[in-house]
Amino acid sequence: MEKKYVLQILFAILITIIVLLYGSRVEDYAAFGYFGVFIISLISSATIIIPAPGWIAVLELGKYLDPILLGIFAGIGSAIGELTGYFAGSGIVGILGKDKKIINEHKEIIRKYDISAIFFLSFIPNPAFDFAGIAAGAIKMDVKKFLIACAIGKSLRFFLIAYLGLYTLNLF
């Protein structure tokens, strides 16, 4: 068993633990505007299986910041945060072997639809997106393709959430 795969899994677990321990402070970053939303989105997406509601900051800041830029910063931060699941999947397959059946449904969808699947699954409100990231890592999807598809899907979703905040929160 290669140390690389064990380190990938340990890294993913460590990031999840750190986010859970310090996640209550995430909203403090909102004061930093676009960079703060980038950090909030990165941190909230870095958990595996346990969702952290980073989208709330995007909704709230949509009232004050440009929704397009807000969506882009949040989407890129969130996509980078999803790398924890990707690396966990890569590590799991490295330890267990390629013939093991790990989250088969997601693996087959990603094999069949490639970046379109990552884009779609990252765009829709999907608390189980971590399984898609794990599956992408498990099938050794190109990490650049994963990041780009994920960033575009999440940016569009956060763009819509920011506009929702702009038009609904300004009513009050």
C-alpha atoms as a PDB file:
ATOM      1  CA  MET A   1       0.000   0.000   0.000  1.00  0.00           C
ATOM      2  CA  GLU A   2       1.431   3.333  -1.026  1.00  0.00           C
ATOM      3  CA  LYS A   3       1.830   6.100   1.527  1.00  0.00           C
ATOM      4  CA  LYS A   4       0.459   8.567  -1.016  1.00  0.00           C
ATOM      5  CA  TYR A   5      -3.017   7.033  -0.884  1.00  0.00           C
ATOM      6  CA  VAL A   6      -3.082   6.895   2.902  1.00  0.00           C
ATOM      7  CA  LEU A   7      -1.989  10.541   3.031  1.00  0.00           C
ATOM      8  CA  GLN A   8      -4.767  11.511   0.596  1.00  0.00           C
ATOM      9  CA  ILE A   9      -7.398   9.921   2.818  1.00  0.00           C
ATOM     10  CA  LEU A  10      -5.890  11.353   6.018  1.00  0.00           C
ATOM     11  CA  PHE A  11      -5.765  14.815   4.418  1.00  0.00           C
ATOM     12  CA  ALA A  12      -9.468  14.629   3.545  1.00  0.00           C
ATOM     13  CA  ILE A  13     -10.372  13.462   7.049  1.00  0.00           C
ATOM     14  CA  LEU A  14      -8.201  16.155   8.671  1.00  0.00           C
ATOM     15  CA  ILE A  15      -9.786  18.931   6.596  1.00  0.00           C
ATOM     16  CA  THR A  16     -13.265  17.693   7.532  1.00  0.00           C
ATOM     17  CA  ILE A  17     -12.377  17.643  11.236  1.00  0.00           C
ATOM     18  CA  ILE A  18     -10.884  21.156  11.083  1.00  0.00           C
ATOM     19  CA  VAL A  19     -13.978  22.515   9.346  1.00  0.00           C
ATOM     20  CA  LEU A  20     -16.258  20.884  11.913  1.00  0.00           C
ATOM     21  CA  LEU A  21     -14.231  22.274  14.810  1.00  0.00           C
ATOM     22  CA  TYR A  22     -13.886  25.798  13.464  1.00  0.00           C
ATOM     23  CA  GLY A  23     -16.946  25.972  11.189  1.00  0.00           C
ATOM     24  CA  SER A  24     -18.871  28.200  13.561  1.00  0.00           C
ATOM     25  CA  ARG A  25     -16.433  31.025  12.747  1.00  0.00           C
ATOM     26  CA  VAL A  26     -16.940  30.823   8.998  1.00  0.00           C
ATOM     27  CA  GLU A  27     -19.440  33.683   8.851  1.00  0.00           C
ATOM     28  CA  ASP A  28     -16.767  36.048  10.243  1.00  0.00           C
ATOM     29  CA  TYR A  29     -15.118  35.967   6.811  1.00  0.00           C
ATOM     30  CA  ALA A  30     -18.131  37.628   5.205  1.00  0.00           C
ATOM     31  CA  ALA A  31     -16.729  40.994   6.313  1.00  0.00           C
ATOM     32  CA  PHE A  32     -13.910  40.481   3.788  1.00  0.00           C
ATOM     33  CA  GLY A  33     -16.277  40.697   0.812  1.00  0.00           C
ATOM     34  CA  TYR A  34     -15.433  38.622  -2.238  1.00  0.00           C
ATOM     35  CA  PHE A  35     -12.321  37.106  -0.685  1.00  0.00           C
ATOM     36  CA  GLY A  36     -14.345  36.244   2.404  1.00  0.00           C
ATOM     37  CA  VAL A  37     -16.979  34.464   0.305  1.00  0.00           C
ATOM     38  CA  PHE A  38     -14.190  32.584  -1.478  1.00  0.00           C
ATOM     39  CA  ILE A  39     -12.860  31.371   1.909  1.00  0.00           C
ATOM     40  CA  ILE A  40     -16.342  30.570   3.264  1.00  0.00           C
ATOM     41  CA  SER A  41     -17.174  28.552   0.150  1.00  0.00           C
ATOM     42  CA  LEU A  42     -13.832  26.748   0.188  1.00  0.00           C
ATOM     43  CA  ILE A  43     -14.200  25.806   3.841  1.00  0.00           C
ATOM     44  CA  SER A  44     -17.852  24.782   3.614  1.00  0.00           C
ATOM     45  CA  SER A  45     -17.154  22.546   0.592  1.00  0.00           C
ATOM     46  CA  ALA A  46     -14.080  20.955   2.134  1.00  0.00           C
ATOM     47  CA  THR A  47     -16.133  18.728   4.406  1.00  0.00           C
ATOM     48  CA  ILE A  48     -16.863  15.198   3.293  1.00  0.00           C
ATOM     49  CA  ILE A  49     -20.445  13.953   3.590  1.00  0.00           C
ATOM     50  CA  ILE A  50     -21.283  16.450   6.373  1.00  0.00           C
ATOM     51  CA  PRO A  51     -22.665  19.593   4.685  1.00  0.00           C
ATOM     52  CA  ALA A  52     -21.730  23.084   5.821  1.00  0.00           C
ATOM     53  CA  PRO A  53     -24.123  25.851   4.686  1.00  0.00           C
ATOM     54  CA  GLY A  54     -21.747  28.282   2.962  1.00  0.00           C
ATOM     55  CA  TRP A  55     -24.480  29.303   0.530  1.00  0.00           C
ATOM     56  CA  ILE A  56     -26.114  31.352   3.295  1.00  0.00           C
ATOM     57  CA  ALA A  57     -23.234  33.862   3.156  1.00  0.00           C
ATOM     58  CA  VAL A  58     -23.693  34.142  -0.617  1.00  0.00           C
ATOM     59  CA  LEU A  59     -27.417  34.757  -0.148  1.00  0.00           C
ATOM     60  CA  GLU A  60     -26.798  37.442   2.485  1.00  0.00           C
ATOM     61  CA  LEU A  61     -23.983  39.172   0.593  1.00  0.00           C
ATOM     62  CA  GLY A  62     -26.035  39.179  -2.606  1.00  0.00           C
ATOM     63  CA  LYS A  63     -27.762  42.198  -1.103  1.00  0.00           C
ATOM     64  CA  TYR A  64     -24.484  44.166  -0.971  1.00  0.00           C
ATOM     65  CA  LEU A  65     -22.048  42.795  -3.558  1.00  0.00           C
ATOM     66  CA  ASP A  66     -22.184  42.215  -7.308  1.00  0.00           C
ATOM     67  CA  PRO A  67     -23.994  38.859  -7.770  1.00  0.00           C
ATOM     68  CA  ILE A  68     -21.887  37.867 -10.787  1.00  0.00           C
ATOM     69  CA  LEU A  69     -18.562  38.375  -8.992  1.00  0.00           C
ATOM     70  CA  LEU A  70     -20.012  36.836  -5.858  1.00  0.00           C
ATOM     71  CA  GLY A  71     -21.001  33.734  -7.829  1.00  0.00           C
ATOM     72  CA  ILE A  72     -17.571  33.455  -9.427  1.00  0.00           C
ATOM     73  CA  PHE A  73     -15.627  33.819  -6.163  1.00  0.00           C
ATOM     74  CA  ALA A  74     -17.940  31.446  -4.287  1.00  0.00           C
ATOM     75  CA  GLY A  75     -17.920  28.924  -7.144  1.00  0.00           C
ATOM     76  CA  ILE A  76     -14.144  28.810  -7.454  1.00  0.00           C
ATOM     77  CA  GLY A  77     -13.677  28.562  -3.688  1.00  0.00           C
ATOM     78  CA  SER A  78     -16.266  25.810  -3.459  1.00  0.00           C
ATOM     79  CA  ALA A  79     -14.698  23.861  -6.338  1.00  0.00           C
ATOM     80  CA  ILE A  80     -11.293  23.975  -4.651  1.00  0.00           C
ATOM     81  CA  GLY A  81     -12.910  22.801  -1.412  1.00  0.00           C
ATOM     82  CA  GLU A  82     -14.386  19.809  -3.242  1.00  0.00           C
ATOM     83  CA  LEU A  83     -10.860  18.528  -3.874  1.00  0.00           C
ATOM     84  CA  THR A  84     -10.952  16.884  -0.439  1.00  0.00           C
ATOM     85  CA  GLY A  85     -13.565  14.435  -1.716  1.00  0.00           C
ATOM     86  CA  TYR A  86     -11.683  13.979  -4.989  1.00  0.00           C
ATOM     87  CA  PHE A  87      -8.437  13.121  -3.177  1.00  0.00           C
ATOM     88  CA  ALA A  88     -10.263  10.852  -0.739  1.00  0.00           C
ATOM     89  CA  GLY A  89     -11.690   8.911  -3.698  1.00  0.00           C
ATOM     90  CA  SER A  90      -8.288   8.654  -5.305  1.00  0.00           C
ATOM     91  CA  GLY A  91      -6.785   7.423  -2.036  1.00  0.00           C
ATOM     92  CA  ILE A  92      -9.541   4.899  -1.418  1.00  0.00           C
ATOM     93  CA  VAL A  93      -9.141   3.353  -4.850  1.00  0.00           C
ATOM     94  CA  GLY A  94      -5.356   3.311  -4.401  1.00  0.00           C
ATOM     95  CA  ILE A  95      -5.680   1.352  -1.173  1.00  0.00           C
ATOM     96  CA  LEU A  96      -8.570  -0.949  -2.062  1.00  0.00           C
ATOM     97  CA  GLY A  97      -7.715  -1.512  -5.708  1.00  0.00           C
ATOM     98  CA  LYS A  98      -9.467  -0.551  -8.894  1.00  0.00           C
ATOM     99  CA  ASP A  99     -11.736  -3.591  -8.926  1.00  0.00           C
ATOM    100  CA  LYS A 100     -13.580  -2.663  -5.713  1.00  0.00           C
ATOM    101  CA  LYS A 101     -17.102  -1.280  -6.068  1.00  0.00           C
ATOM    102  CA  ILE A 102     -16.999   2.180  -4.513  1.00  0.00           C
ATOM    103  CA  ILE A 103     -20.075   4.332  -5.009  1.00  0.00           C
ATOM    104  CA  ASN A 104     -20.712   2.568  -8.306  1.00  0.00           C
ATOM    105  CA  GLU A 105     -23.704   4.634  -9.336  1.00  0.00           C
ATOM    106  CA  HIS A 106     -21.742   7.892  -9.294  1.00  0.00           C
ATOM    107  CA  LYS A 107     -18.705   6.295 -10.891  1.00  0.00           C
ATOM    108  CA  GLU A 108     -20.732   5.020 -13.837  1.00  0.00           C
ATOM    109  CA  ILE A 109     -22.479   8.360 -14.326  1.00  0.00           C
ATOM    110  CA  ILE A 110     -19.155  10.200 -14.283  1.00  0.00           C
ATOM    111  CA  ARG A 111     -17.521   7.667 -16.616  1.00  0.00           C
ATOM    112  CA  LYS A 112     -20.424   7.980 -19.038  1.00  0.00           C
ATOM    113  CA  TYR A 113     -21.025  11.737 -18.929  1.00  0.00           C
ATOM    114  CA  ASP A 114     -17.566  12.974 -17.788  1.00  0.00           C
ATOM    115  CA  ILE A 115     -17.445  16.722 -17.153  1.00  0.00           C
ATOM    116  CA  SER A 116     -21.137  17.140 -17.986  1.00  0.00           C
ATOM    117  CA  ALA A 117     -21.975  15.021 -14.942  1.00  0.00           C
ATOM    118  CA  ILE A 118     -19.687  17.036 -12.673  1.00  0.00           C
ATOM    119  CA  PHE A 119     -21.130  20.282 -14.030  1.00  0.00           C
ATOM    120  CA  PHE A 120     -24.731  19.173 -13.552  1.00  0.00           C
ATOM    121  CA  LEU A 121     -24.193  17.597 -10.113  1.00  0.00           C
ATOM    122  CA  SER A 122     -22.342  20.695  -8.880  1.00  0.00           C
ATOM    123  CA  PHE A 123     -24.962  23.067 -10.286  1.00  0.00           C
ATOM    124  CA  ILE A 124     -28.030  21.520  -8.684  1.00  0.00           C
ATOM    125  CA  PRO A 125     -28.530  21.811  -4.924  1.00  0.00           C
ATOM    126  CA  ASN A 126     -27.003  18.458  -4.140  1.00  0.00           C
ATOM    127  CA  PRO A 127     -25.893  17.616  -0.604  1.00  0.00           C
ATOM    128  CA  ALA A 128     -24.487  14.336  -1.934  1.00  0.00           C
ATOM    129  CA  PHE A 129     -22.037  16.012  -4.332  1.00  0.00           C
ATOM    130  CA  ASP A 130     -19.211  14.635  -2.192  1.00  0.00           C
ATOM    131  CA  PHE A 131     -19.993  11.211  -3.630  1.00  0.00           C
ATOM    132  CA  ALA A 132     -19.462  12.621  -7.128  1.00  0.00           C
ATOM    133  CA  GLY A 133     -16.106  14.074  -6.050  1.00  0.00           C
ATOM    134  CA  ILE A 134     -15.085  10.794  -4.448  1.00  0.00           C
ATOM    135  CA  ALA A 135     -16.173   8.919  -7.579  1.00  0.00           C
ATOM    136  CA  ALA A 136     -14.248  11.329  -9.841  1.00  0.00           C
ATOM    137  CA  GLY A 137     -11.122  10.738  -7.777  1.00  0.00           C
ATOM    138  CA  ALA A 138     -11.746   7.000  -7.751  1.00  0.00           C
ATOM    139  CA  ILE A 139     -11.912   6.781 -11.554  1.00  0.00           C
ATOM    140  CA  LYS A 140      -8.903   9.126 -11.833  1.00  0.00           C
ATOM    141  CA  MET A 141     -10.786  11.821 -13.724  1.00  0.00           C
ATOM    142  CA  ASP A 142      -8.389  14.563 -14.768  1.00  0.00           C
ATOM    143  CA  VAL A 143      -8.270  16.937 -11.801  1.00  0.00           C
ATOM    144  CA  LYS A 144      -8.257  20.022 -14.052  1.00  0.00           C
ATOM    145  CA  LYS A 145     -11.422  18.857 -15.822  1.00  0.00           C
ATOM    146  CA  PHE A 146     -13.013  18.131 -12.445  1.00  0.00           C
ATOM    147  CA  LEU A 147     -12.126  21.581 -11.084  1.00  0.00           C
ATOM    148  CA  ILE A 148     -13.269  23.484 -14.171  1.00  0.00           C
ATOM    149  CA  ALA A 149     -16.607  21.657 -14.488  1.00  0.00           C
ATOM    150  CA  CYS A 150     -17.212  21.963 -10.748  1.00  0.00           C
ATOM    151  CA  ALA A 151     -16.267  25.676 -10.660  1.00  0.00           C
ATOM    152  CA  ILE A 152     -18.575  26.513 -13.567  1.00  0.00           C
ATOM    153  CA  GLY A 153     -21.517  24.570 -12.117  1.00  0.00           C
ATOM    154  CA  LYS A 154     -21.077  25.967  -8.633  1.00  0.00           C
ATOM    155  CA  SER A 155     -20.481  29.523  -9.900  1.00  0.00           C
ATOM    156  CA  LEU A 156     -23.762  29.456 -11.805  1.00  0.00           C
ATOM    157  CA  ARG A 157     -25.588  28.105  -8.760  1.00  0.00           C
ATOM    158  CA  PHE A 158     -24.049  30.743  -6.466  1.00  0.00           C
ATOM    159  CA  PHE A 159     -24.785  33.429  -9.060  1.00  0.00           C
ATOM    160  CA  LEU A 160     -28.487  32.495  -8.830  1.00  0.00           C
ATOM    161  CA  ILE A 161     -28.353  32.379  -5.024  1.00  0.00           C
ATOM    162  CA  ALA A 162     -26.704  35.820  -4.945  1.00  0.00           C
ATOM    163  CA  TYR A 163     -29.437  37.232  -7.193  1.00  0.00           C
ATOM    164  CA  LEU A 164     -32.043  35.646  -4.966  1.00  0.00           C
ATOM    165  CA  GLY A 165     -30.454  37.473  -2.035  1.00  0.00           C
ATOM    166  CA  LEU A 166     -30.326  40.731  -3.965  1.00  0.00           C
ATOM    167  CA  TYR A 167     -33.994  40.675  -4.914  1.00  0.00           C
ATOM    168  CA  THR A 168     -35.500  39.117  -1.794  1.00  0.00           C
ATOM    169  CA  LEU A 169     -33.399  40.576   1.015  1.00  0.00           C
ATOM    170  CA  ASN A 170     -33.685  44.105  -0.391  1.00  0.00           C
ATOM    171  CA  LEU A 171     -37.434  43.875   0.104  1.00  0.00           C
ATOM    172  CA  PHE A 172     -36.950  44.062   3.865  1.00  0.00           C
END
